[in-house]
Amino acid sequence: MSESSEIPYAGSHRPSDGYGLHSGGMDEDPVIRPFMLTGGRTEPLHDGIRIETLLHAAPAALSAPLRFESRRIVELAQAPMSVADLSVALRAPLGVVRVIVADLITQGYLSVEDQPGELSTSLIERIRDRVRAL
């Protein structure tokens, strides 16, 4: 998925006409509400998925029958990537990404990297920078 083909989410900075379409007309993509991506769920299936949690997807997960954001997360997580970084890359709300990530962990497509006991200052600064980018 390229930058130009990303799905806009509710709360996007582009104005809407009130019917789910941006004011630019029918040529633009419709707004996808975040709850549509999570089946209405707001809590992840796994406890302990923090924004700094590092995730990794096995190369075999690329051939899994995944759709949209789930597929993109598996593509991005071929190298270890934090939940916050995935949220920024997808331009999706952090809570939505946490729910999708938990589903992918449950399905065995993502694994959680070993977490450090205490966070380093550089990691905290990186997380802060990523959250600001949201």
N, C-alpha and C. Protein backbone atom coordinates (compact mmCIF):
# COMPACT_ATOMS: atom_id res chain seq x y z
N MET A 1 0.86 -1.16 0.00
CA MET A 1 0.00 0.00 0.00
C MET A 1 0.90 1.22 0.00
N SER A 2 0.70 2.10 -0.89
CA SER A 2 1.52 3.30 -0.98
C SER A 2 0.88 4.44 -0.21
N GLU A 3 1.65 5.50 -0.04
CA GLU A 3 1.13 6.67 0.68
C GLU A 3 -0.16 7.18 0.05
N SER A 4 -0.21 7.18 -1.27
CA SER A 4 -1.38 7.75 -1.95
C SER A 4 -2.61 6.85 -1.87
N SER A 5 -2.43 5.56 -1.53
CA SER A 5 -3.58 4.66 -1.49
C SER A 5 -4.03 4.36 -0.07
N GLU A 6 -3.52 5.07 0.92
CA GLU A 6 -3.93 4.82 2.30
C GLU A 6 -5.38 5.24 2.50
N ILE A 7 -6.04 4.51 3.39
CA ILE A 7 -7.44 4.78 3.68
C ILE A 7 -7.52 5.89 4.71
N PRO A 8 -8.26 6.95 4.45
CA PRO A 8 -8.40 8.01 5.46
C PRO A 8 -9.28 7.53 6.60
N TYR A 9 -8.95 7.93 7.80
CA TYR A 9 -9.71 7.53 8.97
C TYR A 9 -10.53 8.69 9.48
N ALA A 10 -11.51 8.36 10.28
CA ALA A 10 -12.31 9.40 10.92
C ALA A 10 -11.38 10.30 11.69
N GLY A 11 -11.60 11.56 11.63
CA GLY A 11 -10.72 12.50 12.29
C GLY A 11 -9.63 12.98 11.36
N SER A 12 -9.67 12.54 10.11
CA SER A 12 -8.70 12.98 9.12
C SER A 12 -8.80 14.50 8.98
N HIS A 13 -7.72 15.11 8.60
CA HIS A 13 -7.71 16.57 8.53
C HIS A 13 -8.45 17.12 7.32
N ARG A 14 -8.92 16.24 6.42
CA ARG A 14 -9.68 16.72 5.26
C ARG A 14 -11.15 16.88 5.64
N PRO A 15 -11.79 17.95 5.20
CA PRO A 15 -13.20 18.17 5.56
C PRO A 15 -14.11 17.15 4.90
N SER A 16 -15.17 16.79 5.59
CA SER A 16 -16.14 15.83 5.09
C SER A 16 -17.43 16.54 4.73
N ASP A 17 -18.21 15.93 3.86
CA ASP A 17 -19.50 16.52 3.50
C ASP A 17 -20.63 16.04 4.41
N GLY A 18 -20.32 15.23 5.42
CA GLY A 18 -21.32 14.74 6.34
C GLY A 18 -21.92 13.40 5.94
N TYR A 19 -21.63 12.92 4.75
CA TYR A 19 -22.15 11.64 4.29
C TYR A 19 -21.06 10.60 4.14
N GLY A 20 -19.91 10.82 4.80
CA GLY A 20 -18.83 9.85 4.72
C GLY A 20 -17.89 10.10 3.57
N LEU A 21 -18.16 11.12 2.79
CA LEU A 21 -17.27 11.46 1.68
C LEU A 21 -16.65 12.82 1.95
N HIS A 22 -15.44 12.99 1.49
CA HIS A 22 -14.79 14.28 1.65
C HIS A 22 -15.43 15.29 0.71
N SER A 23 -15.29 16.54 1.02
CA SER A 23 -15.95 17.58 0.25
C SER A 23 -15.43 17.70 -1.18
N GLY A 24 -14.37 16.96 -1.51
CA GLY A 24 -13.81 17.02 -2.86
C GLY A 24 -14.66 16.29 -3.88
N GLY A 25 -15.68 15.55 -3.46
CA GLY A 25 -16.54 14.88 -4.41
C GLY A 25 -16.37 13.38 -4.39
N MET A 26 -16.98 12.72 -5.37
CA MET A 26 -17.01 11.27 -5.43
C MET A 26 -15.66 10.67 -5.82
N ASP A 27 -14.71 11.45 -6.33
CA ASP A 27 -13.43 10.92 -6.76
C ASP A 27 -12.54 10.53 -5.59
N GLU A 28 -12.81 11.07 -4.41
CA GLU A 28 -11.96 10.78 -3.25
C GLU A 28 -12.46 9.55 -2.51
N ASP A 29 -11.57 8.94 -1.72
CA ASP A 29 -11.92 7.76 -0.94
C ASP A 29 -12.89 8.11 0.17
N PRO A 30 -13.80 7.20 0.51
CA PRO A 30 -14.69 7.44 1.65
C PRO A 30 -13.90 7.32 2.95
N VAL A 31 -14.41 7.96 4.00
CA VAL A 31 -13.79 7.87 5.31
C VAL A 31 -14.16 6.52 5.92
N ILE A 32 -13.17 5.83 6.47
CA ILE A 32 -13.41 4.57 7.16
C ILE A 32 -13.39 4.84 8.65
N ARG A 33 -14.47 4.54 9.33
CA ARG A 33 -14.54 4.75 10.77
C ARG A 33 -13.69 3.69 11.47
N PRO A 34 -12.91 4.08 12.48
CA PRO A 34 -12.02 3.12 13.15
C PRO A 34 -12.72 1.89 13.69
N PHE A 35 -13.95 2.03 14.22
CA PHE A 35 -14.63 0.87 14.78
C PHE A 35 -14.94 -0.18 13.72
N MET A 36 -14.97 0.22 12.45
CA MET A 36 -15.20 -0.75 11.37
C MET A 36 -14.01 -1.70 11.23
N LEU A 37 -12.82 -1.23 11.56
CA LEU A 37 -11.63 -2.05 11.42
C LEU A 37 -11.46 -3.04 12.56
N THR A 38 -12.12 -2.77 13.68
CA THR A 38 -11.95 -3.62 14.87
C THR A 38 -13.22 -4.39 15.21
N GLY A 39 -14.22 -4.30 14.38
CA GLY A 39 -15.48 -4.98 14.67
C GLY A 39 -16.18 -4.38 15.88
N GLY A 40 -15.92 -3.09 16.14
CA GLY A 40 -16.54 -2.41 17.25
C GLY A 40 -15.81 -2.58 18.58
N ARG A 41 -14.76 -3.40 18.59
CA ARG A 41 -14.03 -3.62 19.84
C ARG A 41 -13.09 -2.46 20.13
N THR A 42 -12.95 -2.14 21.40
CA THR A 42 -12.06 -1.06 21.81
C THR A 42 -10.91 -1.56 22.66
N GLU A 43 -10.99 -2.81 23.11
CA GLU A 43 -9.94 -3.40 23.95
C GLU A 43 -9.28 -4.54 23.19
N PRO A 44 -7.94 -4.61 23.23
CA PRO A 44 -7.24 -5.73 22.58
C PRO A 44 -7.49 -7.04 23.32
N LEU A 45 -7.36 -8.15 22.61
CA LEU A 45 -7.56 -9.47 23.21
C LEU A 45 -6.45 -9.83 24.19
N HIS A 46 -5.27 -9.24 24.01
CA HIS A 46 -4.12 -9.51 24.88
C HIS A 46 -3.86 -8.31 25.78
N ASP A 47 -3.65 -8.59 27.05
CA ASP A 47 -3.21 -7.54 27.96
C ASP A 47 -1.72 -7.33 27.78
N GLY A 48 -1.25 -6.18 28.12
CA GLY A 48 0.18 -5.93 28.11
C GLY A 48 0.74 -5.45 26.79
N ILE A 49 -0.11 -5.17 25.81
CA ILE A 49 0.40 -4.62 24.55
C ILE A 49 0.50 -3.11 24.75
N ARG A 50 1.72 -2.69 24.99
CA ARG A 50 1.97 -1.27 25.23
C ARG A 50 2.43 -0.63 23.93
N ILE A 51 2.47 0.68 23.89
CA ILE A 51 2.85 1.35 22.65
C ILE A 51 4.29 1.08 22.26
N GLU A 52 5.13 0.72 23.24
CA GLU A 52 6.53 0.44 22.93
C GLU A 52 6.78 -1.04 22.66
N THR A 53 5.75 -1.88 22.75
CA THR A 53 5.91 -3.31 22.50
C THR A 53 6.44 -3.52 21.08
N LEU A 54 7.53 -4.29 21.00
CA LEU A 54 8.11 -4.59 19.69
C LEU A 54 7.49 -5.87 19.15
N LEU A 55 7.08 -5.80 17.90
CA LEU A 55 6.43 -6.92 17.24
C LEU A 55 7.25 -7.37 16.04
N HIS A 56 7.15 -8.66 15.74
CA HIS A 56 7.86 -9.19 14.59
C HIS A 56 6.96 -10.21 13.92
N ALA A 57 6.91 -10.17 12.59
CA ALA A 57 6.12 -11.14 11.82
C ALA A 57 7.06 -12.06 11.08
N ALA A 58 6.76 -13.32 11.10
CA ALA A 58 7.55 -14.29 10.35
C ALA A 58 7.30 -14.08 8.86
N PRO A 59 8.30 -14.33 8.02
CA PRO A 59 8.10 -14.18 6.57
C PRO A 59 6.92 -15.01 6.04
N ALA A 60 6.66 -16.14 6.66
CA ALA A 60 5.54 -16.98 6.22
C ALA A 60 4.20 -16.27 6.37
N ALA A 61 4.11 -15.31 7.29
CA ALA A 61 2.86 -14.58 7.51
C ALA A 61 2.47 -13.74 6.29
N LEU A 62 3.44 -13.44 5.43
CA LEU A 62 3.14 -12.65 4.22
C LEU A 62 2.21 -13.40 3.27
N SER A 63 2.20 -14.73 3.36
CA SER A 63 1.32 -15.50 2.47
C SER A 63 -0.03 -15.80 3.12
N ALA A 64 -0.25 -15.30 4.31
CA ALA A 64 -1.52 -15.53 5.02
C ALA A 64 -2.65 -14.75 4.34
N PRO A 65 -3.86 -15.25 4.44
CA PRO A 65 -5.01 -14.57 3.83
C PRO A 65 -5.51 -13.40 4.68
N LEU A 66 -4.71 -12.35 4.75
CA LEU A 66 -5.04 -11.18 5.55
C LEU A 66 -5.52 -10.05 4.65
N ARG A 67 -6.27 -9.15 5.23
CA ARG A 67 -6.79 -8.03 4.45
C ARG A 67 -6.35 -6.70 5.04
N PHE A 68 -6.22 -5.72 4.20
CA PHE A 68 -6.04 -4.31 4.51
C PHE A 68 -4.98 -4.05 5.58
N GLU A 69 -5.38 -3.48 6.70
CA GLU A 69 -4.42 -3.08 7.73
C GLU A 69 -3.67 -4.27 8.30
N SER A 70 -4.33 -5.39 8.45
CA SER A 70 -3.64 -6.58 8.97
C SER A 70 -2.49 -6.98 8.06
N ARG A 71 -2.73 -6.98 6.77
CA ARG A 71 -1.67 -7.32 5.81
C ARG A 71 -0.54 -6.31 5.90
N ARG A 72 -0.88 -5.04 5.97
CA ARG A 72 0.14 -3.98 6.03
C ARG A 72 0.97 -4.11 7.30
N ILE A 73 0.35 -4.44 8.42
CA ILE A 73 1.09 -4.62 9.67
C ILE A 73 2.09 -5.77 9.52
N VAL A 74 1.66 -6.88 8.94
CA VAL A 74 2.56 -8.02 8.73
C VAL A 74 3.71 -7.62 7.81
N GLU A 75 3.43 -6.83 6.78
CA GLU A 75 4.50 -6.37 5.88
C GLU A 75 5.50 -5.49 6.63
N LEU A 76 4.98 -4.55 7.41
CA LEU A 76 5.85 -3.62 8.14
C LEU A 76 6.65 -4.32 9.24
N ALA A 77 6.06 -5.34 9.85
CA ALA A 77 6.70 -6.01 10.98
C ALA A 77 7.64 -7.13 10.56
N GLN A 78 8.07 -7.14 9.32
CA GLN A 78 9.09 -8.10 8.91
C GLN A 78 10.39 -7.82 9.65
N ALA A 79 10.61 -6.56 10.00
CA ALA A 79 11.67 -6.17 10.92
C ALA A 79 10.95 -5.73 12.20
N PRO A 80 11.52 -5.97 13.37
CA PRO A 80 10.82 -5.60 14.60
C PRO A 80 10.38 -4.13 14.57
N MET A 81 9.14 -3.92 14.97
CA MET A 81 8.56 -2.58 14.94
C MET A 81 7.62 -2.42 16.13
N SER A 82 7.62 -1.23 16.73
CA SER A 82 6.76 -0.99 17.88
C SER A 82 5.33 -0.71 17.44
N VAL A 83 4.41 -0.86 18.37
CA VAL A 83 3.00 -0.57 18.11
C VAL A 83 2.85 0.91 17.72
N ALA A 84 3.58 1.79 18.40
CA ALA A 84 3.52 3.22 18.08
C ALA A 84 3.99 3.48 16.66
N ASP A 85 5.08 2.82 16.25
CA ASP A 85 5.58 3.00 14.88
C ASP A 85 4.58 2.50 13.85
N LEU A 86 3.92 1.38 14.14
CA LEU A 86 2.90 0.86 13.23
C LEU A 86 1.74 1.84 13.11
N SER A 87 1.34 2.43 14.22
CA SER A 87 0.25 3.39 14.22
C SER A 87 0.59 4.59 13.32
N VAL A 88 1.80 5.07 13.44
CA VAL A 88 2.23 6.20 12.61
C VAL A 88 2.29 5.78 11.14
N ALA A 89 2.86 4.62 10.86
CA ALA A 89 3.00 4.15 9.47
C ALA A 89 1.64 3.96 8.80
N LEU A 90 0.66 3.48 9.56
CA LEU A 90 -0.68 3.26 9.02
C LEU A 90 -1.55 4.50 9.05
N ARG A 91 -1.08 5.51 9.78
CA ARG A 91 -1.88 6.72 9.99
C ARG A 91 -3.24 6.35 10.57
N ALA A 92 -3.19 5.42 11.55
CA ALA A 92 -4.40 4.93 12.21
C ALA A 92 -4.31 5.19 13.71
N PRO A 93 -5.44 5.34 14.37
CA PRO A 93 -5.43 5.56 15.82
C PRO A 93 -4.72 4.42 16.55
N LEU A 94 -4.01 4.76 17.59
CA LEU A 94 -3.24 3.79 18.37
C LEU A 94 -4.12 2.67 18.91
N GLY A 95 -5.30 3.00 19.42
CA GLY A 95 -6.20 1.98 19.95
C GLY A 95 -6.63 0.97 18.90
N VAL A 96 -6.85 1.43 17.69
CA VAL A 96 -7.23 0.55 16.58
C VAL A 96 -6.08 -0.40 16.27
N VAL A 97 -4.88 0.13 16.20
CA VAL A 97 -3.71 -0.70 15.89
C VAL A 97 -3.50 -1.74 16.99
N ARG A 98 -3.68 -1.35 18.24
CA ARG A 98 -3.53 -2.31 19.35
C ARG A 98 -4.51 -3.47 19.21
N VAL A 99 -5.74 -3.19 18.83
CA VAL A 99 -6.74 -4.25 18.67
C VAL A 99 -6.37 -5.16 17.51
N ILE A 100 -5.97 -4.59 16.38
CA ILE A 100 -5.60 -5.40 15.21
C ILE A 100 -4.36 -6.24 15.52
N VAL A 101 -3.38 -5.63 16.19
CA VAL A 101 -2.15 -6.34 16.55
C VAL A 101 -2.48 -7.52 17.47
N ALA A 102 -3.36 -7.31 18.45
CA ALA A 102 -3.74 -8.40 19.35
C ALA A 102 -4.38 -9.55 18.58
N ASP A 103 -5.20 -9.22 17.59
CA ASP A 103 -5.81 -10.26 16.76
C ASP A 103 -4.73 -11.04 16.00
N LEU A 104 -3.75 -10.33 15.46
CA LEU A 104 -2.68 -10.98 14.70
C LEU A 104 -1.80 -11.85 15.60
N ILE A 105 -1.60 -11.44 16.84
CA ILE A 105 -0.85 -12.27 17.79
C ILE A 105 -1.63 -13.54 18.09
N THR A 106 -2.94 -13.39 18.33
CA THR A 106 -3.80 -14.54 18.62
C THR A 106 -3.80 -15.53 17.46
N GLN A 107 -3.78 -15.01 16.23
CA GLN A 107 -3.79 -15.86 15.04
C GLN A 107 -2.41 -16.44 14.73
N GLY A 108 -1.39 -16.00 15.45
CA GLY A 108 -0.04 -16.53 15.26
C GLY A 108 0.76 -15.85 14.16
N TYR A 109 0.29 -14.74 13.63
CA TYR A 109 1.00 -14.04 12.55
C TYR A 109 2.06 -13.07 13.07
N LEU A 110 1.89 -12.59 14.30
CA LEU A 110 2.86 -11.69 14.92
C LEU A 110 3.35 -12.32 16.21
N SER A 111 4.59 -12.00 16.55
CA SER A 111 5.11 -12.40 17.85
C SER A 111 5.66 -11.17 18.55
N VAL A 112 5.66 -11.23 19.87
CA VAL A 112 6.16 -10.12 20.68
C VAL A 112 7.62 -10.37 20.97
N GLU A 113 8.45 -9.38 20.67
CA GLU A 113 9.87 -9.46 20.98
C GLU A 113 10.06 -9.34 22.48
N ASP A 114 11.17 -9.85 22.99
CA ASP A 114 11.47 -9.71 24.42
C ASP A 114 11.48 -8.24 24.79
N GLN A 115 10.82 -7.93 25.89
CA GLN A 115 10.72 -6.56 26.35
C GLN A 115 11.76 -6.28 27.44
N PRO A 116 12.41 -5.13 27.37
CA PRO A 116 13.34 -4.79 28.44
C PRO A 116 12.56 -4.51 29.73
N GLY A 117 13.19 -4.79 30.87
CA GLY A 117 12.55 -4.54 32.15
C GLY A 117 12.25 -3.07 32.35
N GLU A 118 13.21 -2.24 32.02
CA GLU A 118 13.03 -0.80 32.14
C GLU A 118 13.36 -0.15 30.81
N LEU A 119 12.65 0.90 30.50
CA LEU A 119 12.85 1.56 29.21
C LEU A 119 14.03 2.52 29.27
N SER A 120 14.82 2.50 28.20
CA SER A 120 15.94 3.44 28.12
C SER A 120 15.43 4.83 27.76
N THR A 121 16.22 5.83 28.07
CA THR A 121 15.86 7.20 27.75
C THR A 121 15.68 7.39 26.25
N SER A 122 16.57 6.77 25.47
CA SER A 122 16.47 6.93 24.01
C SER A 122 15.17 6.31 23.48
N LEU A 123 14.75 5.18 24.05
CA LEU A 123 13.49 4.56 23.63
C LEU A 123 12.31 5.44 24.00
N ILE A 124 12.32 5.99 25.19
CA ILE A 124 11.24 6.89 25.61
C ILE A 124 11.16 8.11 24.71
N GLU A 125 12.31 8.67 24.35
CA GLU A 125 12.32 9.83 23.45
C GLU A 125 11.80 9.46 22.07
N ARG A 126 12.16 8.27 21.58
CA ARG A 126 11.68 7.81 20.27
C ARG A 126 10.17 7.63 20.29
N ILE A 127 9.65 7.06 21.37
CA ILE A 127 8.20 6.87 21.50
C ILE A 127 7.51 8.23 21.53
N ARG A 128 8.06 9.16 22.30
CA ARG A 128 7.49 10.51 22.38
C ARG A 128 7.43 11.13 20.98
N ASP A 129 8.50 11.00 20.22
CA ASP A 129 8.54 11.58 18.89
C ASP A 129 7.51 10.94 17.96
N ARG A 130 7.34 9.62 18.08
CA ARG A 130 6.35 8.92 17.24
C ARG A 130 4.92 9.32 17.61
N VAL A 131 4.66 9.45 18.89
CA VAL A 131 3.32 9.85 19.33
C VAL A 131 3.03 11.28 18.87
N ARG A 132 4.00 12.15 18.93
CA ARG A 132 3.80 13.52 18.44
C ARG A 132 3.48 13.52 16.95
N ALA A 133 4.05 12.56 16.22
CA ALA A 133 3.81 12.48 14.78
C ALA A 133 2.36 12.09 14.46
N LEU A 134 1.69 11.48 15.44
CA LEU A 134 0.27 11.10 15.23
C LEU A 134 -0.57 12.35 15.13
